[in-house]
Amino acid sequence: MKSGASYAVVTDIKITNFNVERCGWQKSERRHDLAKVVSQLADSADVDGAPDVLMLTECTHLLRFAQAPLWELVGRLNSLLPNNQVYYPFMSTKEGSTNPPGLFVNSATVSPIEWYVPGDDWTSATNDNWLLARIGGIEVWINSLHWDGSQGPEHFLTQSSRLANMAGRSVLVAGDFNATSSAPGEAIPADWVDRNQATPWKLTQKSHLPVPRRLGGTWEVHTEPIDRVLEAGFVDAGQQAEDFTVTVNDGIDNGLEMRIDRILASRRLLERASFVDGTYRVVIPEPDKQISDHREVSVRMAIGN
């Protein structure tokens, strides 16, 4: 062996993004059905292993009831991992939202360094709800996102700009973006606006009106927020795999039929990591096994120095 020789340390991780509707919260019973939350993840773990980085983007009321639902969920998730491995949970906070996203990382492959809590006087809004962690010997910024569509197109662009500002760092991010891109191959139903005539408030959630109606303008699906993020320096795992499978189940939002749940990595991260070919997957459940309006999305990443 030559003196001073160095060898790359590469860690292979599975990243999963899943918006389980309200995290199994049963409003009438005031409890969570957490077995429902974990059931599909367990089926997927049997196929290609448990997630190392898991984004659950609707963690409704998990921090209530003295955080008992959160720790019950962590215990159930731990059962998916081998060799007594455990998940560390990081719960985002979003003012005015009962559905904040959660991030769960396998302590065997992801080593947390810092968790940036909103409101700390030494952090900026850009850093809110980000985890800085070490994976495969390098530092990675990780976030689980759920973009809010209730405040219209302008707020979408604000959320997009905040994410774009992170593009110069090594970033891994996933979530329910409530938006799609204009990339060739994306499913954008030509009649989506017509489908929402009976629910016009939904138009402002995923559409915009670039030209006022009084000047003959029409509503259009709003792709600019995701387009900006990709142009700023992010790569979408599904787009790279040329797999544009929609990520919502049939019949959602008047036939939404778009890819709004995504896994992204910054180009800076991809200088020292890569999405593993052939591993991008959108789980399409049987109709009688749907546990959410969204579909589970996953990919493997090889990351190291």
Protein backbone atom coordinates (compact mmCIF):
# COMPACT_ATOMS: atom_id res chain seq x y z
CA MET A 1 0.00 0.00 0.00
CA LYS A 2 1.40 3.38 -0.95
CA SER A 3 2.04 5.80 1.87
CA GLY A 4 -0.55 8.57 1.99
CA ALA A 5 -3.05 6.79 -0.26
CA SER A 6 -6.67 7.92 0.28
CA TYR A 7 -9.88 6.12 -0.48
CA ALA A 8 -13.39 7.48 -0.95
CA VAL A 9 -15.92 6.76 1.74
CA VAL A 10 -19.29 6.46 0.03
CA THR A 11 -22.57 6.03 1.88
CA ASP A 12 -25.60 4.70 0.04
CA ILE A 13 -28.82 6.12 1.47
CA LYS A 14 -32.48 5.81 0.64
CA ILE A 15 -34.52 9.03 0.59
CA THR A 16 -38.30 8.82 0.89
CA ASN A 17 -40.86 11.59 0.65
CA PHE A 18 -44.46 10.81 1.63
CA ASN A 19 -47.35 13.11 2.41
CA VAL A 20 -49.53 10.79 4.46
CA GLU A 21 -52.77 12.69 4.81
CA ARG A 22 -52.76 14.50 8.18
CA CYS A 23 -50.37 11.82 9.46
CA GLY A 24 -53.28 9.51 10.19
CA TRP A 25 -55.07 12.04 12.43
CA GLN A 26 -58.66 10.98 13.10
CA LYS A 27 -60.44 14.20 14.00
CA SER A 28 -63.66 12.63 15.24
CA GLU A 29 -61.72 10.30 17.54
CA ARG A 30 -58.97 12.80 18.44
CA ARG A 31 -56.22 10.28 17.85
CA HIS A 32 -53.70 9.21 15.21
CA ASP A 33 -53.88 5.96 13.28
CA LEU A 34 -50.10 5.56 13.16
CA ALA A 35 -50.27 1.94 12.03
CA LYS A 36 -51.80 3.33 8.85
CA VAL A 37 -48.91 5.77 8.46
CA VAL A 38 -46.25 3.06 8.72
CA SER A 39 -48.03 0.31 6.79
CA GLN A 40 -47.03 1.36 3.27
CA LEU A 41 -43.53 2.35 4.37
CA ALA A 42 -43.17 -1.18 5.74
CA ASP A 43 -44.21 -2.68 2.39
CA SER A 44 -41.66 -0.48 0.62
CA ALA A 45 -38.95 -1.40 3.13
CA ASP A 46 -39.50 -5.06 2.22
CA VAL A 47 -38.72 -4.16 -1.41
CA ASP A 48 -35.66 -1.91 -1.15
CA GLY A 49 -34.99 -1.18 2.51
CA ALA A 50 -36.13 1.40 5.02
CA PRO A 51 -35.50 5.10 4.39
CA ASP A 52 -32.38 6.69 5.79
CA VAL A 53 -33.89 10.13 5.23
CA LEU A 54 -37.68 10.27 5.53
CA MET A 55 -39.80 13.33 4.86
CA LEU A 56 -43.38 13.10 6.16
CA THR A 57 -44.86 16.37 5.02
CA GLU A 58 -48.11 16.47 7.04
CA CYS A 59 -47.23 15.79 10.68
CA THR A 60 -50.57 16.97 11.99
CA HIS A 61 -50.70 17.34 15.81
CA LEU A 62 -47.70 15.08 16.43
CA LEU A 63 -46.36 17.56 18.97
CA ARG A 64 -49.62 17.70 20.90
CA PHE A 65 -50.58 15.40 23.80
CA ALA A 66 -47.13 15.85 25.40
CA GLN A 67 -45.55 14.67 22.12
CA ALA A 68 -46.80 11.12 22.72
CA PRO A 69 -47.90 10.68 19.05
CA LEU A 70 -44.45 11.72 17.80
CA TRP A 71 -42.61 9.21 19.95
CA GLU A 72 -45.09 6.46 19.18
CA LEU A 73 -44.45 7.13 15.49
CA VAL A 74 -40.68 7.06 16.00
CA GLY A 75 -41.01 3.71 17.76
CA ARG A 76 -43.05 2.28 14.91
CA LEU A 77 -40.59 3.63 12.34
CA ASN A 78 -37.67 2.15 14.28
CA SER A 79 -39.17 -1.28 13.73
CA LEU A 80 -38.43 -0.87 10.01
CA LEU A 81 -34.69 -0.50 10.65
CA PRO A 82 -32.24 -3.39 11.13
CA ASN A 83 -29.85 -4.04 14.00
CA ASN A 84 -31.46 -1.81 16.62
CA GLN A 85 -30.93 1.32 14.52
CA VAL A 86 -33.10 4.33 15.38
CA TYR A 87 -34.54 7.43 13.79
CA TYR A 88 -33.89 10.95 15.05
CA PRO A 89 -36.98 13.18 14.51
CA PHE A 90 -36.84 16.87 13.57
CA MET A 91 -40.19 18.62 13.52
CA SER A 92 -40.61 21.85 11.56
CA THR A 93 -42.70 24.66 12.90
CA LYS A 94 -44.91 26.75 10.63
CA GLU A 95 -46.87 29.63 12.05
CA GLY A 96 -50.58 29.20 11.49
CA SER A 97 -50.28 25.62 10.21
CA THR A 98 -51.54 22.43 11.86
CA ASN A 99 -49.76 20.35 9.18
CA PRO A 100 -46.02 21.04 9.58
CA PRO A 101 -43.59 18.70 7.84
CA GLY A 102 -41.34 16.32 9.74
CA LEU A 103 -37.88 14.94 9.01
CA PHE A 104 -36.70 11.56 10.30
CA VAL A 105 -33.08 10.44 9.82
CA ASN A 106 -31.44 7.08 10.48
CA SER A 107 -28.76 7.65 13.11
CA ALA A 108 -26.61 4.90 11.58
CA THR A 109 -26.09 6.81 8.32
CA VAL A 110 -26.95 10.45 9.09
CA SER A 111 -25.16 12.33 11.88
CA PRO A 112 -26.96 15.55 12.90
CA ILE A 113 -24.80 18.60 13.57
CA GLU A 114 -27.26 21.48 14.00
CA TRP A 115 -31.02 22.00 13.79
CA TYR A 116 -32.10 25.52 12.88
CA VAL A 117 -35.23 26.54 14.79
CA PRO A 118 -37.32 29.47 13.52
CA GLY A 119 -37.04 32.55 15.70
CA ASP A 120 -33.50 32.01 16.96
CA ASP A 121 -31.84 35.44 16.89
CA TRP A 122 -28.65 34.03 15.31
CA THR A 123 -30.32 32.40 12.30
CA SER A 124 -31.97 33.80 9.21
CA ALA A 125 -35.37 32.92 7.77
CA THR A 126 -33.56 31.06 4.98
CA ASN A 127 -32.23 28.57 7.55
CA ASP A 128 -35.57 27.91 9.27
CA ASN A 129 -36.29 24.22 9.82
CA TRP A 130 -33.06 23.03 8.20
CA LEU A 131 -30.92 20.19 9.54
CA LEU A 132 -27.17 20.36 8.98
CA ALA A 133 -25.88 16.79 9.09
CA ARG A 134 -22.88 14.70 8.07
CA ILE A 135 -23.40 11.90 5.56
CA GLY A 136 -20.58 9.94 3.99
CA GLY A 137 -18.03 12.31 5.46
CA ILE A 138 -19.52 15.53 4.05
CA GLU A 139 -21.87 18.13 5.47
CA VAL A 140 -25.35 18.24 3.95
CA TRP A 141 -28.26 20.62 4.54
CA ILE A 142 -31.55 18.69 4.69
CA ASN A 143 -35.14 19.91 4.78
CA SER A 144 -38.64 18.47 4.58
CA LEU A 145 -40.93 21.00 2.89
CA HIS A 146 -44.63 21.53 2.40
CA TRP A 147 -45.20 24.62 0.29
CA ASP A 148 -48.31 26.54 1.26
CA GLY A 149 -50.63 27.24 -1.66
CA SER A 150 -53.33 29.01 0.33
CA GLN A 151 -51.73 32.46 -0.02
CA GLY A 152 -51.59 32.44 -3.80
CA PRO A 153 -48.93 32.72 -6.52
CA GLU A 154 -46.91 35.49 -4.87
CA HIS A 155 -46.31 33.41 -1.75
CA PHE A 156 -45.27 30.46 -3.92
CA LEU A 157 -42.55 32.66 -5.39
CA THR A 158 -41.44 33.70 -1.91
CA GLN A 159 -41.09 30.07 -0.85
CA SER A 160 -39.29 29.30 -4.12
CA SER A 161 -36.83 32.16 -3.58
CA ARG A 162 -35.99 30.99 -0.07
CA LEU A 163 -35.12 27.54 -1.37
CA ALA A 164 -33.20 28.96 -4.33
CA ASN A 165 -31.06 30.93 -1.88
CA MET A 166 -29.72 27.60 -0.56
CA ALA A 167 -28.49 26.44 -3.98
CA GLY A 168 -24.87 27.31 -3.27
CA ARG A 169 -24.71 24.74 -0.44
CA SER A 170 -24.79 20.95 -0.43
CA VAL A 171 -28.55 20.48 -0.10
CA LEU A 172 -30.96 17.56 -0.04
CA VAL A 173 -34.61 18.57 0.09
CA ALA A 174 -37.94 16.88 -0.55
CA GLY A 175 -41.58 17.48 0.06
CA ASP A 176 -45.01 18.38 -1.20
CA PHE A 177 -44.38 21.47 -3.32
CA ASN A 178 -48.00 21.84 -4.49
CA ALA A 179 -46.50 22.82 -7.84
CA THR A 180 -45.05 21.28 -10.97
CA SER A 181 -42.48 22.43 -13.54
CA SER A 182 -42.56 23.21 -17.24
CA ALA A 183 -39.99 20.52 -18.08
CA PRO A 184 -40.79 18.43 -21.15
CA GLY A 185 -42.52 15.28 -19.98
CA GLU A 186 -44.36 16.79 -17.02
CA ALA A 187 -48.06 15.98 -16.89
CA ILE A 188 -50.04 19.23 -16.98
CA PRO A 189 -53.69 18.53 -17.86
CA ALA A 190 -54.77 20.95 -20.56
CA ASP A 191 -58.24 21.17 -19.02
CA TRP A 192 -57.17 21.44 -15.37
CA VAL A 193 -58.53 24.98 -15.08
CA ASP A 194 -61.87 23.89 -16.53
CA ARG A 195 -62.05 21.05 -14.01
CA ASN A 196 -61.87 23.58 -11.17
CA GLN A 197 -64.74 25.81 -12.20
CA ALA A 198 -66.79 24.34 -9.36
CA THR A 199 -63.96 24.99 -6.87
CA PRO A 200 -62.48 28.29 -8.10
CA TRP A 201 -60.45 28.89 -4.91
CA LYS A 202 -58.19 26.01 -6.01
CA LEU A 203 -57.13 28.04 -9.03
CA THR A 204 -55.08 30.37 -6.83
CA GLN A 205 -53.40 27.39 -5.14
CA LYS A 206 -51.72 25.91 -8.21
CA SER A 207 -52.52 28.38 -10.99
CA HIS A 208 -51.99 32.05 -11.75
CA LEU A 209 -53.46 34.70 -13.98
CA PRO A 210 -50.52 36.28 -15.85
CA VAL A 211 -52.80 38.57 -17.85
CA PRO A 212 -55.86 40.14 -16.13
CA ARG A 213 -59.21 38.72 -17.14
CA ARG A 214 -60.38 42.18 -18.24
CA LEU A 215 -57.60 42.04 -20.85
CA GLY A 216 -58.56 38.59 -22.05
CA GLY A 217 -56.25 36.58 -19.77
CA THR A 218 -56.91 33.01 -18.64
CA TRP A 219 -55.76 30.96 -15.68
CA GLU A 220 -52.66 28.82 -16.25
CA VAL A 221 -50.96 26.14 -14.13
CA HIS A 222 -48.18 28.00 -12.31
CA THR A 223 -44.81 26.36 -13.08
CA GLU A 224 -42.54 29.32 -12.34
CA PRO A 225 -41.82 28.50 -8.64
CA ILE A 226 -40.37 25.05 -9.43
CA ASP A 227 -38.71 26.30 -12.61
CA ARG A 228 -36.90 28.98 -10.58
CA VAL A 229 -35.59 26.43 -8.10
CA LEU A 230 -34.28 24.17 -10.86
CA GLU A 231 -32.68 27.07 -12.71
CA ALA A 232 -31.07 28.31 -9.48
CA GLY A 233 -29.08 25.10 -9.11
CA PHE A 234 -31.24 22.14 -8.08
CA VAL A 235 -31.72 18.78 -9.80
CA ASP A 236 -34.99 16.85 -9.56
CA ALA A 237 -34.57 13.09 -9.09
CA GLY A 238 -37.65 12.21 -11.14
CA GLN A 239 -36.74 14.51 -14.00
CA GLN A 240 -33.18 13.11 -14.08
CA ALA A 241 -34.63 9.59 -14.20
CA GLU A 242 -37.02 10.72 -16.97
CA ASP A 243 -39.86 9.39 -14.82
CA PHE A 244 -42.70 11.90 -14.73
CA THR A 245 -45.22 9.66 -12.95
CA VAL A 246 -47.78 11.86 -11.21
CA THR A 247 -47.55 11.81 -7.43
CA VAL A 248 -51.20 12.15 -6.44
CA ASN A 249 -53.73 9.35 -6.55
CA ASP A 250 -56.66 9.33 -8.95
CA GLY A 251 -59.56 11.68 -8.25
CA ILE A 252 -57.62 14.20 -6.14
CA ASP A 253 -58.39 17.93 -6.53
CA ASN A 254 -60.76 17.43 -9.43
CA GLY A 255 -58.25 15.23 -11.22
CA LEU A 256 -55.02 17.05 -10.35
CA GLU A 257 -52.81 14.58 -12.27
CA MET A 258 -49.53 16.42 -11.69
CA ARG A 259 -46.14 15.65 -10.14
CA ILE A 260 -46.04 17.85 -7.05
CA ASP A 261 -44.09 15.64 -4.61
CA ARG A 262 -40.38 15.85 -5.37
CA ILE A 263 -36.88 14.95 -4.20
CA LEU A 264 -34.23 17.55 -5.08
CA ALA A 265 -30.48 17.87 -4.64
CA SER A 266 -28.38 20.95 -5.26
CA ARG A 267 -25.78 20.76 -7.99
CA ARG A 268 -23.22 21.58 -5.31
CA LEU A 269 -24.14 18.36 -3.48
CA LEU A 270 -24.06 16.40 -6.74
CA GLU A 271 -20.40 17.30 -7.13
CA ARG A 272 -19.82 14.71 -4.38
CA ALA A 273 -22.93 12.56 -4.66
CA SER A 274 -25.30 11.09 -7.24
CA PHE A 275 -28.80 9.72 -7.52
CA VAL A 276 -28.41 5.98 -8.15
CA ASP A 277 -29.62 5.00 -11.61
CA GLY A 278 -32.79 2.92 -11.68
CA THR A 279 -33.81 3.59 -8.07
CA TYR A 280 -36.30 6.46 -8.48
CA ARG A 281 -39.76 5.13 -7.62
CA VAL A 282 -43.31 6.39 -7.25
CA VAL A 283 -45.47 3.89 -5.36
CA ILE A 284 -48.92 3.55 -6.90
CA PRO A 285 -51.11 1.71 -4.37
CA GLU A 286 -54.06 -0.47 -5.18
CA PRO A 287 -57.32 1.49 -4.79
CA ASP A 288 -58.27 -0.44 -1.66
CA LYS A 289 -54.86 0.23 -0.08
CA GLN A 290 -54.68 4.00 -0.50
CA ILE A 291 -53.75 5.60 2.82
CA SER A 292 -53.30 9.12 1.44
CA ASP A 293 -54.15 11.40 -1.45
CA HIS A 294 -50.42 11.54 -2.25
CA ARG A 295 -48.04 8.80 -3.39
CA GLU A 296 -44.79 7.75 -1.79
CA VAL A 297 -41.68 8.84 -3.72
CA SER A 298 -38.17 7.48 -3.13
CA VAL A 299 -34.68 7.32 -4.61
CA ARG A 300 -31.27 6.10 -3.51
CA MET A 301 -28.25 8.38 -3.37
CA ALA A 302 -24.55 7.54 -3.21
CA ILE A 303 -22.84 10.26 -1.22
CA GLY A 304 -19.30 10.64 0.04
CA ASN A 305 -15.88 12.22 -0.25
